[in-house]
Amino acid sequence: MSAAQALIAFALAAGLLTITPGLDTALVLRAAAAEGPKRAGLAALGVACGCLLWGAATALGLAALLAASATAFSVLKWAGAAYLLWLGAGLILKPRARFELGAETAQPAGSDGAWFRRGLLTNALNPKVGVFYVSFLPQFLPQGVPAGPFIFLLAALHAAMGLGWFAVLIAATRPVAAALRRTAVVRWLDRVTGAVFVAFGVRLALERR
């Protein structure tokens, strides 16, 4: 797989994951509905910066591990495959019935900078993001490409896609929020995303160094 093919494959997979609603989506939608587009944009920017922090940490750590030994590669591969299969199976078998914008995301309004910090900390303090990056990003490493810089490039691409999606959400806050409350929509997104996780988990398990 060439670098261009890896980027295209990652963009397709990450695009689907980006539009699947989670805590970040709830934070930005709530900010847009309650505080306006400016503060929602700052929250989205904070989320993207959180992704970049995890991307940098993952790039440095993975580069060291992959260069260390074949054993480290195998351990990382099997752990990542198991994690992705577990996530995917859970989403397929037990999809959510609703996506709530409830009290769990409600916080005092605060200043403009406070919304940026909330977006940043939502991602930076969530270890699940780091575990996901370690599990997901190595699958898109083409042969002969330095691991660290390319992994950070993938994280930066994911952050940019997130900002683009958040811009769409902010521009269409009410209709999008209403759609995300529909059981059929949420279950469909969860099951499709779960299938993607399972497929990539199997692919990672079969990957050779």
N, C-alpha and C. Protein backbone atom coordinates (compact mmCIF):
# COMPACT_ATOMS: atom_id res chain seq x y z
N MET A 1 0.85 -1.20 0.00
CA MET A 1 0.00 0.00 0.00
C MET A 1 0.88 1.25 0.00
N SER A 2 0.66 2.12 -0.98
CA SER A 2 1.43 3.35 -1.08
C SER A 2 0.92 4.38 -0.08
N ALA A 3 1.68 5.47 0.08
CA ALA A 3 1.27 6.52 1.01
C ALA A 3 -0.06 7.15 0.57
N ALA A 4 -0.23 7.35 -0.74
CA ALA A 4 -1.47 7.93 -1.24
C ALA A 4 -2.66 7.02 -0.98
N GLN A 5 -2.47 5.72 -1.22
CA GLN A 5 -3.55 4.75 -0.96
C GLN A 5 -3.89 4.70 0.53
N ALA A 6 -2.88 4.79 1.38
CA ALA A 6 -3.10 4.77 2.82
C ALA A 6 -3.91 5.99 3.25
N LEU A 7 -3.59 7.14 2.70
CA LEU A 7 -4.31 8.37 3.05
C LEU A 7 -5.77 8.30 2.61
N ILE A 8 -6.01 7.76 1.41
CA ILE A 8 -7.38 7.64 0.91
C ILE A 8 -8.18 6.67 1.78
N ALA A 9 -7.57 5.52 2.11
CA ALA A 9 -8.26 4.54 2.95
C ALA A 9 -8.56 5.12 4.32
N PHE A 10 -7.60 5.84 4.88
CA PHE A 10 -7.82 6.43 6.20
C PHE A 10 -8.91 7.49 6.14
N ALA A 11 -8.91 8.30 5.10
CA ALA A 11 -9.92 9.35 4.98
C ALA A 11 -11.32 8.76 4.92
N LEU A 12 -11.49 7.66 4.21
CA LEU A 12 -12.81 7.02 4.12
C LEU A 12 -13.24 6.47 5.48
N ALA A 13 -12.35 5.77 6.16
CA ALA A 13 -12.70 5.20 7.46
C ALA A 13 -12.90 6.29 8.51
N ALA A 14 -11.98 7.24 8.57
CA ALA A 14 -12.07 8.30 9.57
C ALA A 14 -13.28 9.20 9.32
N GLY A 15 -13.67 9.34 8.06
CA GLY A 15 -14.85 10.16 7.75
C GLY A 15 -16.10 9.58 8.39
N LEU A 16 -16.25 8.26 8.29
CA LEU A 16 -17.41 7.62 8.91
C LEU A 16 -17.36 7.75 10.42
N LEU A 17 -16.18 7.56 11.00
CA LEU A 17 -16.05 7.67 12.45
C LEU A 17 -16.30 9.10 12.92
N THR A 18 -15.93 10.08 12.10
CA THR A 18 -16.10 11.47 12.47
C THR A 18 -17.57 11.85 12.63
N ILE A 19 -18.43 11.31 11.76
CA ILE A 19 -19.84 11.69 11.82
C ILE A 19 -20.63 10.86 12.82
N THR A 20 -19.98 9.85 13.43
CA THR A 20 -20.67 9.07 14.46
C THR A 20 -20.69 9.88 15.75
N PRO A 21 -21.87 10.16 16.31
CA PRO A 21 -21.95 11.07 17.45
C PRO A 21 -21.34 10.49 18.72
N GLY A 22 -20.70 11.36 19.47
CA GLY A 22 -20.11 11.00 20.76
C GLY A 22 -20.12 12.21 21.68
N LEU A 23 -19.27 12.18 22.71
CA LEU A 23 -19.24 13.27 23.68
C LEU A 23 -18.81 14.58 23.04
N ASP A 24 -17.85 14.52 22.11
CA ASP A 24 -17.40 15.74 21.42
C ASP A 24 -18.55 16.38 20.65
N THR A 25 -19.32 15.54 19.97
CA THR A 25 -20.46 16.05 19.21
C THR A 25 -21.48 16.71 20.13
N ALA A 26 -21.74 16.07 21.26
CA ALA A 26 -22.70 16.63 22.21
C ALA A 26 -22.23 17.99 22.72
N LEU A 27 -20.94 18.11 23.02
CA LEU A 27 -20.40 19.37 23.52
C LEU A 27 -20.57 20.50 22.51
N VAL A 28 -20.21 20.22 21.25
CA VAL A 28 -20.29 21.26 20.21
C VAL A 28 -21.74 21.62 19.90
N LEU A 29 -22.61 20.62 19.81
CA LEU A 29 -24.02 20.90 19.53
C LEU A 29 -24.66 21.72 20.65
N ARG A 30 -24.33 21.36 21.89
CA ARG A 30 -24.89 22.11 23.01
C ARG A 30 -24.39 23.54 23.00
N ALA A 31 -23.10 23.74 22.72
CA ALA A 31 -22.55 25.09 22.66
C ALA A 31 -23.22 25.90 21.55
N ALA A 32 -23.46 25.26 20.40
CA ALA A 32 -24.10 25.96 19.29
C ALA A 32 -25.53 26.35 19.64
N ALA A 33 -26.25 25.44 20.31
CA ALA A 33 -27.65 25.70 20.64
C ALA A 33 -27.81 26.72 21.76
N ALA A 34 -26.91 26.68 22.74
CA ALA A 34 -27.07 27.51 23.93
C ALA A 34 -26.23 28.78 23.91
N GLU A 35 -25.06 28.74 23.24
CA GLU A 35 -24.12 29.85 23.33
C GLU A 35 -23.82 30.53 22.01
N GLY A 36 -24.23 29.93 20.90
CA GLY A 36 -24.00 30.54 19.60
C GLY A 36 -22.83 29.93 18.85
N PRO A 37 -22.71 30.27 17.56
CA PRO A 37 -21.70 29.63 16.71
C PRO A 37 -20.26 29.94 17.09
N LYS A 38 -19.99 31.14 17.65
CA LYS A 38 -18.61 31.49 18.00
C LYS A 38 -18.06 30.54 19.05
N ARG A 39 -18.81 30.39 20.14
CA ARG A 39 -18.33 29.53 21.22
C ARG A 39 -18.35 28.05 20.82
N ALA A 40 -19.29 27.67 19.98
CA ALA A 40 -19.29 26.31 19.46
C ALA A 40 -18.04 26.05 18.62
N GLY A 41 -17.66 27.07 17.83
CA GLY A 41 -16.44 26.94 17.03
C GLY A 41 -15.20 26.82 17.90
N LEU A 42 -15.16 27.56 19.00
CA LEU A 42 -14.02 27.46 19.92
C LEU A 42 -13.97 26.09 20.58
N ALA A 43 -15.14 25.55 20.93
CA ALA A 43 -15.18 24.20 21.50
C ALA A 43 -14.67 23.17 20.48
N ALA A 44 -15.10 23.33 19.22
CA ALA A 44 -14.65 22.42 18.16
C ALA A 44 -13.14 22.52 17.97
N LEU A 45 -12.60 23.74 18.02
CA LEU A 45 -11.15 23.93 17.87
C LEU A 45 -10.41 23.26 19.03
N GLY A 46 -10.97 23.35 20.23
CA GLY A 46 -10.36 22.68 21.37
C GLY A 46 -10.33 21.17 21.19
N VAL A 47 -11.43 20.61 20.67
CA VAL A 47 -11.48 19.16 20.41
C VAL A 47 -10.40 18.77 19.41
N ALA A 48 -10.25 19.56 18.35
CA ALA A 48 -9.24 19.26 17.34
C ALA A 48 -7.84 19.32 17.93
N CYS A 49 -7.58 20.29 18.79
CA CYS A 49 -6.26 20.38 19.43
C CYS A 49 -6.01 19.19 20.34
N GLY A 50 -7.07 18.71 20.99
CA GLY A 50 -6.94 17.50 21.80
C GLY A 50 -6.55 16.30 20.95
N CYS A 51 -7.14 16.20 19.76
CA CYS A 51 -6.77 15.12 18.83
C CYS A 51 -5.30 15.21 18.44
N LEU A 52 -4.82 16.44 18.21
CA LEU A 52 -3.42 16.62 17.82
C LEU A 52 -2.48 16.23 18.96
N LEU A 53 -2.87 16.54 20.20
CA LEU A 53 -2.04 16.14 21.34
C LEU A 53 -1.93 14.62 21.42
N TRP A 54 -3.06 13.93 21.30
CA TRP A 54 -3.03 12.48 21.33
C TRP A 54 -2.28 11.94 20.11
N GLY A 55 -2.44 12.60 18.97
CA GLY A 55 -1.72 12.16 17.77
C GLY A 55 -0.23 12.25 17.94
N ALA A 56 0.25 13.36 18.55
CA ALA A 56 1.69 13.52 18.78
C ALA A 56 2.19 12.46 19.76
N ALA A 57 1.44 12.23 20.84
CA ALA A 57 1.84 11.22 21.81
C ALA A 57 1.86 9.83 21.19
N THR A 58 0.85 9.53 20.37
CA THR A 58 0.79 8.23 19.71
C THR A 58 1.92 8.07 18.71
N ALA A 59 2.21 9.12 17.94
CA ALA A 59 3.28 9.05 16.94
C ALA A 59 4.62 8.77 17.60
N LEU A 60 4.91 9.47 18.68
CA LEU A 60 6.19 9.28 19.37
C LEU A 60 6.27 7.89 19.98
N GLY A 61 5.20 7.47 20.66
CA GLY A 61 5.21 6.17 21.31
C GLY A 61 5.25 5.01 20.33
N LEU A 62 4.43 5.09 19.29
CA LEU A 62 4.39 4.01 18.31
C LEU A 62 5.69 3.92 17.53
N ALA A 63 6.26 5.06 17.19
CA ALA A 63 7.52 5.04 16.45
C ALA A 63 8.60 4.32 17.26
N ALA A 64 8.62 4.59 18.57
CA ALA A 64 9.61 3.93 19.42
C ALA A 64 9.34 2.43 19.51
N LEU A 65 8.06 2.06 19.68
CA LEU A 65 7.71 0.65 19.81
C LEU A 65 8.00 -0.13 18.53
N LEU A 66 7.59 0.43 17.42
CA LEU A 66 7.76 -0.28 16.15
C LEU A 66 9.22 -0.44 15.78
N ALA A 67 10.04 0.53 16.22
CA ALA A 67 11.48 0.43 15.94
C ALA A 67 12.18 -0.49 16.93
N ALA A 68 11.54 -0.78 18.05
CA ALA A 68 12.21 -1.53 19.11
C ALA A 68 12.39 -3.00 18.76
N SER A 69 11.29 -3.68 18.43
CA SER A 69 11.41 -5.12 18.22
C SER A 69 10.16 -5.67 17.54
N ALA A 70 10.31 -6.87 17.00
CA ALA A 70 9.17 -7.56 16.40
C ALA A 70 8.17 -7.95 17.48
N THR A 71 8.66 -8.24 18.67
CA THR A 71 7.77 -8.60 19.78
C THR A 71 6.84 -7.44 20.12
N ALA A 72 7.41 -6.23 20.20
CA ALA A 72 6.60 -5.05 20.50
C ALA A 72 5.55 -4.84 19.43
N PHE A 73 5.92 -5.06 18.18
CA PHE A 73 4.96 -4.92 17.09
C PHE A 73 3.82 -5.92 17.24
N SER A 74 4.16 -7.18 17.56
CA SER A 74 3.14 -8.22 17.70
C SER A 74 2.19 -7.94 18.85
N VAL A 75 2.75 -7.50 19.99
CA VAL A 75 1.91 -7.18 21.14
C VAL A 75 0.95 -6.06 20.80
N LEU A 76 1.48 -5.00 20.17
CA LEU A 76 0.65 -3.87 19.79
C LEU A 76 -0.43 -4.29 18.79
N LYS A 77 -0.04 -5.13 17.84
CA LYS A 77 -0.98 -5.57 16.81
C LYS A 77 -2.14 -6.34 17.41
N TRP A 78 -1.85 -7.33 18.24
CA TRP A 78 -2.91 -8.16 18.80
C TRP A 78 -3.77 -7.39 19.80
N ALA A 79 -3.16 -6.51 20.58
CA ALA A 79 -3.94 -5.70 21.51
C ALA A 79 -4.87 -4.77 20.75
N GLY A 80 -4.36 -4.15 19.69
CA GLY A 80 -5.20 -3.25 18.90
C GLY A 80 -6.32 -3.98 18.19
N ALA A 81 -6.01 -5.17 17.64
CA ALA A 81 -7.04 -5.95 16.95
C ALA A 81 -8.15 -6.37 17.92
N ALA A 82 -7.75 -6.82 19.11
CA ALA A 82 -8.74 -7.24 20.11
C ALA A 82 -9.62 -6.07 20.53
N TYR A 83 -9.00 -4.91 20.71
CA TYR A 83 -9.77 -3.73 21.13
C TYR A 83 -10.77 -3.32 20.07
N LEU A 84 -10.35 -3.30 18.82
CA LEU A 84 -11.26 -2.90 17.74
C LEU A 84 -12.39 -3.91 17.56
N LEU A 85 -12.08 -5.20 17.68
CA LEU A 85 -13.13 -6.22 17.58
C LEU A 85 -14.13 -6.09 18.73
N TRP A 86 -13.64 -5.81 19.92
CA TRP A 86 -14.52 -5.63 21.08
C TRP A 86 -15.43 -4.42 20.91
N LEU A 87 -14.85 -3.30 20.45
CA LEU A 87 -15.66 -2.11 20.21
C LEU A 87 -16.70 -2.36 19.13
N GLY A 88 -16.26 -2.97 18.02
CA GLY A 88 -17.17 -3.20 16.91
C GLY A 88 -18.31 -4.13 17.26
N ALA A 89 -18.00 -5.22 17.97
CA ALA A 89 -19.05 -6.17 18.35
C ALA A 89 -20.06 -5.50 19.27
N GLY A 90 -19.58 -4.66 20.19
CA GLY A 90 -20.49 -3.97 21.09
C GLY A 90 -21.44 -3.04 20.37
N LEU A 91 -20.93 -2.32 19.36
CA LEU A 91 -21.77 -1.39 18.61
C LEU A 91 -22.79 -2.14 17.74
N ILE A 92 -22.39 -3.28 17.19
CA ILE A 92 -23.31 -4.04 16.33
C ILE A 92 -24.40 -4.71 17.16
N LEU A 93 -24.00 -5.32 18.27
CA LEU A 93 -24.95 -6.10 19.07
C LEU A 93 -25.81 -5.22 19.98
N LYS A 94 -25.25 -4.11 20.45
CA LYS A 94 -25.99 -3.23 21.37
C LYS A 94 -25.89 -1.78 20.94
N PRO A 95 -26.48 -1.44 19.79
CA PRO A 95 -26.45 -0.04 19.35
C PRO A 95 -27.30 0.82 20.28
N ARG A 96 -26.93 2.08 20.39
CA ARG A 96 -27.71 2.99 21.23
C ARG A 96 -29.07 3.26 20.62
N ALA A 97 -30.04 3.49 21.49
CA ALA A 97 -31.38 3.84 21.02
C ALA A 97 -31.49 5.34 20.79
N ARG A 98 -30.71 6.13 21.54
CA ARG A 98 -30.78 7.59 21.40
C ARG A 98 -29.41 8.20 21.62
N PHE A 99 -29.22 9.39 21.09
CA PHE A 99 -28.04 10.20 21.35
C PHE A 99 -28.52 11.43 22.10
N GLU A 100 -28.14 11.52 23.37
CA GLU A 100 -28.69 12.57 24.22
C GLU A 100 -27.79 13.81 24.24
N LEU A 101 -28.43 14.96 24.27
CA LEU A 101 -27.75 16.23 24.53
C LEU A 101 -28.19 16.72 25.89
N GLY A 102 -28.06 15.87 26.88
CA GLY A 102 -28.64 16.14 28.19
C GLY A 102 -27.72 16.78 29.17
N ALA A 103 -28.02 16.52 30.47
CA ALA A 103 -27.33 17.20 31.55
C ALA A 103 -25.86 16.84 31.64
N GLU A 104 -25.46 15.68 31.08
CA GLU A 104 -24.07 15.29 31.21
C GLU A 104 -23.13 16.24 30.49
N THR A 105 -23.66 17.01 29.50
CA THR A 105 -22.81 17.97 28.79
C THR A 105 -23.11 19.39 29.21
N ALA A 106 -24.06 19.59 30.09
CA ALA A 106 -24.42 20.94 30.50
C ALA A 106 -23.39 21.49 31.47
N GLN A 107 -22.88 22.70 31.18
CA GLN A 107 -21.92 23.36 32.04
C GLN A 107 -22.23 24.84 32.04
N PRO A 108 -21.73 25.59 33.05
CA PRO A 108 -21.93 27.02 33.05
C PRO A 108 -21.36 27.65 31.79
N ALA A 109 -21.94 28.76 31.38
CA ALA A 109 -21.54 29.38 30.11
C ALA A 109 -20.07 29.76 30.10
N GLY A 110 -19.61 30.57 31.06
CA GLY A 110 -18.21 30.96 31.12
C GLY A 110 -17.82 31.88 29.98
N SER A 111 -16.50 32.04 29.78
CA SER A 111 -15.97 32.92 28.75
C SER A 111 -15.76 32.17 27.45
N ASP A 112 -15.35 32.93 26.41
CA ASP A 112 -15.04 32.28 25.14
C ASP A 112 -13.92 31.25 25.32
N GLY A 113 -12.88 31.65 26.06
CA GLY A 113 -11.76 30.75 26.28
C GLY A 113 -12.15 29.49 27.03
N ALA A 114 -13.18 29.60 27.88
CA ALA A 114 -13.61 28.43 28.65
C ALA A 114 -14.14 27.34 27.72
N TRP A 115 -14.80 27.73 26.63
CA TRP A 115 -15.33 26.72 25.71
C TRP A 115 -14.21 26.03 24.94
N PHE A 116 -13.15 26.77 24.62
CA PHE A 116 -11.99 26.14 24.00
C PHE A 116 -11.37 25.13 24.95
N ARG A 117 -11.21 25.52 26.22
CA ARG A 117 -10.62 24.60 27.21
C ARG A 117 -11.49 23.36 27.39
N ARG A 118 -12.82 23.53 27.39
CA ARG A 118 -13.69 22.37 27.54
C ARG A 118 -13.51 21.39 26.39
N GLY A 119 -13.45 21.92 25.17
CA GLY A 119 -13.23 21.05 24.02
C GLY A 119 -11.89 20.34 24.10
N LEU A 120 -10.84 21.09 24.49
CA LEU A 120 -9.51 20.51 24.60
C LEU A 120 -9.47 19.41 25.64
N LEU A 121 -9.99 19.70 26.84
CA LEU A 121 -9.92 18.74 27.93
C LEU A 121 -10.82 17.53 27.70
N THR A 122 -11.93 17.74 26.96
CA THR A 122 -12.80 16.61 26.64
C THR A 122 -12.03 15.51 25.94
N ASN A 123 -11.11 15.89 25.06
CA ASN A 123 -10.30 14.91 24.35
C ASN A 123 -8.99 14.59 25.07
N ALA A 124 -8.30 15.61 25.55
CA ALA A 124 -6.97 15.41 26.12
C ALA A 124 -7.01 14.55 27.38
N LEU A 125 -8.11 14.61 28.14
CA LEU A 125 -8.21 13.85 29.38
C LEU A 125 -9.00 12.55 29.20
N ASN A 126 -9.27 12.18 27.96
CA ASN A 126 -10.02 10.95 27.68
C ASN A 126 -9.06 9.87 27.18
N PRO A 127 -8.67 8.92 28.04
CA PRO A 127 -7.71 7.89 27.61
C PRO A 127 -8.23 7.02 26.47
N LYS A 128 -9.55 6.96 26.30
CA LYS A 128 -10.11 6.15 25.22
C LYS A 128 -9.64 6.67 23.86
N VAL A 129 -9.44 7.99 23.75
CA VAL A 129 -8.96 8.55 22.48
C VAL A 129 -7.55 8.03 22.19
N GLY A 130 -6.69 8.03 23.22
CA GLY A 130 -5.34 7.52 23.04
C GLY A 130 -5.32 6.04 22.68
N VAL A 131 -6.14 5.24 23.37
CA VAL A 131 -6.20 3.81 23.08
C VAL A 131 -6.71 3.58 21.66
N PHE A 132 -7.69 4.38 21.25
CA PHE A 132 -8.24 4.23 19.90
C PHE A 132 -7.18 4.58 18.86
N TYR A 133 -6.44 5.66 19.07
CA TYR A 133 -5.41 6.04 18.10
C TYR A 133 -4.34 4.95 17.99
N VAL A 134 -3.91 4.40 19.12
CA VAL A 134 -2.90 3.35 19.10
C VAL A 134 -3.42 2.12 18.36
N SER A 135 -4.73 1.85 18.48
CA SER A 135 -5.32 0.68 17.83
C SER A 135 -5.57 0.89 16.35
N PHE A 136 -5.95 2.10 15.97
CA PHE A 136 -6.49 2.36 14.64
C PHE A 136 -5.43 2.85 13.65
N LEU A 137 -4.60 3.79 14.06
CA LEU A 137 -3.69 4.44 13.12
C LEU A 137 -2.62 3.52 12.52
N PRO A 138 -2.08 2.53 13.27
CA PRO A 138 -1.02 1.70 12.68
C PRO A 138 -1.46 0.93 11.44
N GLN A 139 -2.75 0.73 11.25
CA GLN A 139 -3.20 -0.03 10.09
C GLN A 139 -2.95 0.69 8.78
N PHE A 140 -2.70 1.98 8.85
CA PHE A 140 -2.57 2.79 7.64
C PHE A 140 -1.12 3.23 7.39
N LEU A 141 -0.16 2.51 8.00
CA LEU A 141 1.25 2.80 7.79
C LEU A 141 1.75 2.07 6.54
N PRO A 142 2.07 2.79 5.48
CA PRO A 142 2.63 2.11 4.31
C PRO A 142 4.07 1.71 4.55
N GLN A 143 4.55 0.73 3.81
CA GLN A 143 5.92 0.29 3.96
C GLN A 143 6.90 1.37 3.50
N GLY A 144 7.99 1.47 4.24
CA GLY A 144 9.04 2.41 3.86
C GLY A 144 8.80 3.84 4.26
N VAL A 145 7.76 4.10 5.04
CA VAL A 145 7.45 5.47 5.48
C VAL A 145 7.75 5.58 6.97
N PRO A 146 8.44 6.65 7.41
CA PRO A 146 8.70 6.82 8.85
C PRO A 146 7.40 6.82 9.65
N ALA A 147 7.35 5.99 10.70
CA ALA A 147 6.10 5.80 11.43
C ALA A 147 5.62 7.07 12.12
N GLY A 148 6.50 7.73 12.87
CA GLY A 148 6.08 8.88 13.67
C GLY A 148 5.45 10.00 12.86
N PRO A 149 6.15 10.55 11.87
CA PRO A 149 5.57 11.65 11.09
C PRO A 149 4.28 11.28 10.37
N PHE A 150 4.22 10.05 9.84
CA PHE A 150 3.02 9.67 9.09
C PHE A 150 1.83 9.50 10.02
N ILE A 151 2.05 8.94 11.20
CA ILE A 151 0.95 8.79 12.16
C ILE A 151 0.43 10.15 12.60
N PHE A 152 1.34 11.10 12.82
CA PHE A 152 0.88 12.44 13.19
C PHE A 152 0.12 13.09 12.03
N LEU A 153 0.55 12.83 10.81
CA LEU A 153 -0.19 13.34 9.65
C LEU A 153 -1.61 12.79 9.63
N LEU A 154 -1.78 11.51 9.95
CA LEU A 154 -3.11 10.92 10.01
C LEU A 154 -3.95 11.59 11.10
N ALA A 155 -3.34 11.83 12.26
CA ALA A 155 -4.07 12.49 13.34
C ALA A 155 -4.47 13.91 12.94
N ALA A 156 -3.57 14.61 12.24
CA ALA A 156 -3.89 15.96 11.78
C ALA A 156 -5.04 15.94 10.76
N LEU A 157 -5.03 14.93 9.88
CA LEU A 157 -6.12 14.78 8.92
C LEU A 157 -7.44 14.51 9.63
N HIS A 158 -7.41 13.67 10.66
CA HIS A 158 -8.60 13.38 11.44
C HIS A 158 -9.12 14.64 12.12
N ALA A 159 -8.20 15.44 12.68
CA ALA A 159 -8.60 16.69 13.34
C ALA A 159 -9.23 17.66 12.33
N ALA A 160 -8.65 17.74 11.13
CA ALA A 160 -9.19 18.63 10.10
C ALA A 160 -10.58 18.18 9.66
N MET A 161 -10.76 16.88 9.51
CA MET A 161 -12.08 16.37 9.14
C MET A 161 -13.09 16.65 10.23
N GLY A 162 -12.65 16.53 11.49
CA GLY A 162 -13.54 16.84 12.60
C GLY A 162 -13.99 18.29 12.58
N LEU A 163 -13.05 19.20 12.32
CA LEU A 163 -13.41 20.62 12.25
C LEU A 163 -14.41 20.88 11.12
N GLY A 164 -14.22 20.21 9.99
CA GLY A 164 -15.17 20.38 8.89
C GLY A 164 -16.56 19.88 9.26
N TRP A 165 -16.63 18.73 9.93
CA TRP A 165 -17.92 18.18 10.33
C TRP A 165 -18.58 19.06 11.39
N PHE A 166 -17.80 19.56 12.34
CA PHE A 166 -18.35 20.44 13.36
C PHE A 166 -18.90 21.72 12.74
N ALA A 167 -18.24 22.21 11.68
CA ALA A 167 -18.74 23.40 11.01
C ALA A 167 -20.13 23.14 10.42
N VAL A 168 -20.32 21.94 9.85
CA VAL A 168 -21.63 21.56 9.32
C VAL A 168 -22.65 21.49 10.45
N LEU A 169 -22.27 20.89 11.57
CA LEU A 169 -23.19 20.77 12.71
C LEU A 169 -23.60 22.14 13.24
N ILE A 170 -22.62 23.02 13.36
CA ILE A 170 -22.91 24.36 13.89
C ILE A 170 -23.85 25.11 12.95
N ALA A 171 -23.64 24.96 11.64
CA ALA A 171 -24.47 25.66 10.68
C ALA A 171 -25.89 25.11 10.63
N ALA A 172 -26.07 23.86 11.04
CA ALA A 172 -27.39 23.22 10.96
C ALA A 172 -27.76 22.61 12.30
N THR A 173 -27.61 23.39 13.35
CA THR A 173 -27.74 22.86 14.72
C THR A 173 -29.09 22.17 14.94
N ARG A 174 -30.17 22.84 14.66
CA ARG A 174 -31.49 22.29 15.01
C ARG A 174 -31.86 21.04 14.23
N PRO A 175 -31.78 21.06 12.88
CA PRO A 175 -32.17 19.84 12.16
C PRO A 175 -31.25 18.66 12.44
N VAL A 176 -29.94 18.91 12.60
CA VAL A 176 -29.01 17.82 12.87
C VAL A 176 -29.25 17.24 14.25
N ALA A 177 -29.45 18.11 15.24
CA ALA A 177 -29.72 17.63 16.60
C ALA A 177 -30.99 16.80 16.63
N ALA A 178 -32.00 17.22 15.86
CA ALA A 178 -33.25 16.46 15.81
C ALA A 178 -33.03 15.08 15.18
N ALA A 179 -32.21 15.01 14.12
CA ALA A 179 -31.94 13.74 13.47
C ALA A 179 -31.19 12.78 14.40
N LEU A 180 -30.27 13.33 15.20
CA LEU A 180 -29.49 12.49 16.10
C LEU A 180 -30.32 11.97 17.28
N ARG A 181 -31.52 12.46 17.43
CA ARG A 181 -32.41 11.94 18.47
C ARG A 181 -33.29 10.80 17.95
N ARG A 182 -33.22 10.53 16.65
CA ARG A 182 -34.03 9.46 16.07
C ARG A 182 -33.35 8.12 16.28
N THR A 183 -34.11 7.17 16.81
CA THR A 183 -33.56 5.86 17.13
C THR A 183 -32.95 5.18 15.90
N ALA A 184 -33.65 5.24 14.78
CA ALA A 184 -33.16 4.56 13.58
C ALA A 184 -31.83 5.11 13.10
N VAL A 185 -31.66 6.44 13.18
CA VAL A 185 -30.43 7.08 12.73
C VAL A 185 -29.27 6.66 13.62
N VAL A 186 -29.46 6.75 14.94
CA VAL A 186 -28.38 6.43 15.88
C VAL A 186 -27.99 4.96 15.78
N ARG A 187 -28.97 4.07 15.69
CA ARG A 187 -28.66 2.64 15.58
C ARG A 187 -27.94 2.33 14.27
N TRP A 188 -28.35 2.96 13.19
CA TRP A 188 -27.69 2.74 11.91
C TRP A 188 -26.23 3.18 11.97
N LEU A 189 -25.98 4.36 12.52
CA LEU A 189 -24.61 4.86 12.62
C LEU A 189 -23.76 3.94 13.49
N ASP A 190 -24.31 3.50 14.62
CA ASP A 190 -23.56 2.63 15.51
C ASP A 190 -23.22 1.30 14.84
N ARG A 191 -24.18 0.71 14.13
CA ARG A 191 -23.94 -0.59 13.51
C ARG A 191 -22.95 -0.50 12.35
N VAL A 192 -23.07 0.54 11.54
CA VAL A 192 -22.13 0.71 10.44
C VAL A 192 -20.72 0.94 10.98
N THR A 193 -20.61 1.80 12.00
CA THR A 193 -19.30 2.05 12.61
C THR A 193 -18.75 0.78 13.23
N GLY A 194 -19.61 0.00 13.90
CA GLY A 194 -19.17 -1.26 14.48
C GLY A 194 -18.63 -2.21 13.43
N ALA A 195 -19.29 -2.26 12.27
CA ALA A 195 -18.82 -3.13 11.19
C ALA A 195 -17.44 -2.68 10.69
N VAL A 196 -17.24 -1.36 10.63
CA VAL A 196 -15.93 -0.84 10.22
C VAL A 196 -14.86 -1.26 11.23
N PHE A 197 -15.17 -1.14 12.53
CA PHE A 197 -14.22 -1.54 13.56
C PHE A 197 -13.86 -3.02 13.43
N VAL A 198 -14.86 -3.87 13.24
CA VAL A 198 -14.61 -5.30 13.12
C VAL A 198 -13.73 -5.60 11.90
N ALA A 199 -14.05 -4.96 10.78
CA ALA A 199 -13.27 -5.20 9.55
C ALA A 199 -11.82 -4.80 9.74
N PHE A 200 -11.58 -3.65 10.35
CA PHE A 200 -10.21 -3.21 10.55
C PHE A 200 -9.52 -4.02 11.64
N GLY A 201 -10.27 -4.51 12.63
CA GLY A 201 -9.68 -5.38 13.63
C GLY A 201 -9.16 -6.67 13.02
N VAL A 202 -9.96 -7.27 12.13
CA VAL A 202 -9.54 -8.48 11.43
C VAL A 202 -8.33 -8.18 10.55
N ARG A 203 -8.37 -7.06 9.85
CA ARG A 203 -7.25 -6.69 8.98
C ARG A 203 -5.97 -6.51 9.79
N LEU A 204 -6.08 -5.87 10.94
CA LEU A 204 -4.91 -5.65 11.79
C LEU A 204 -4.36 -6.96 12.31
N ALA A 205 -5.24 -7.90 12.67
CA ALA A 205 -4.79 -9.20 13.18
C ALA A 205 -4.01 -9.97 12.13
N LEU A 206 -4.35 -9.77 10.86
CA LEU A 206 -3.69 -10.48 9.77
C LEU A 206 -2.46 -9.76 9.23
N GLU A 207 -2.23 -8.56 9.74
CA GLU A 207 -1.12 -7.72 9.23
C GLU A 207 0.22 -8.31 9.63
N ARG A 208 1.18 -8.24 8.71
CA ARG A 208 2.54 -8.64 9.00
C ARG A 208 3.43 -7.43 9.00
N ARG A 209 4.51 -7.52 9.80
CA ARG A 209 5.40 -6.37 9.89
C ARG A 209 6.09 -6.17 8.56
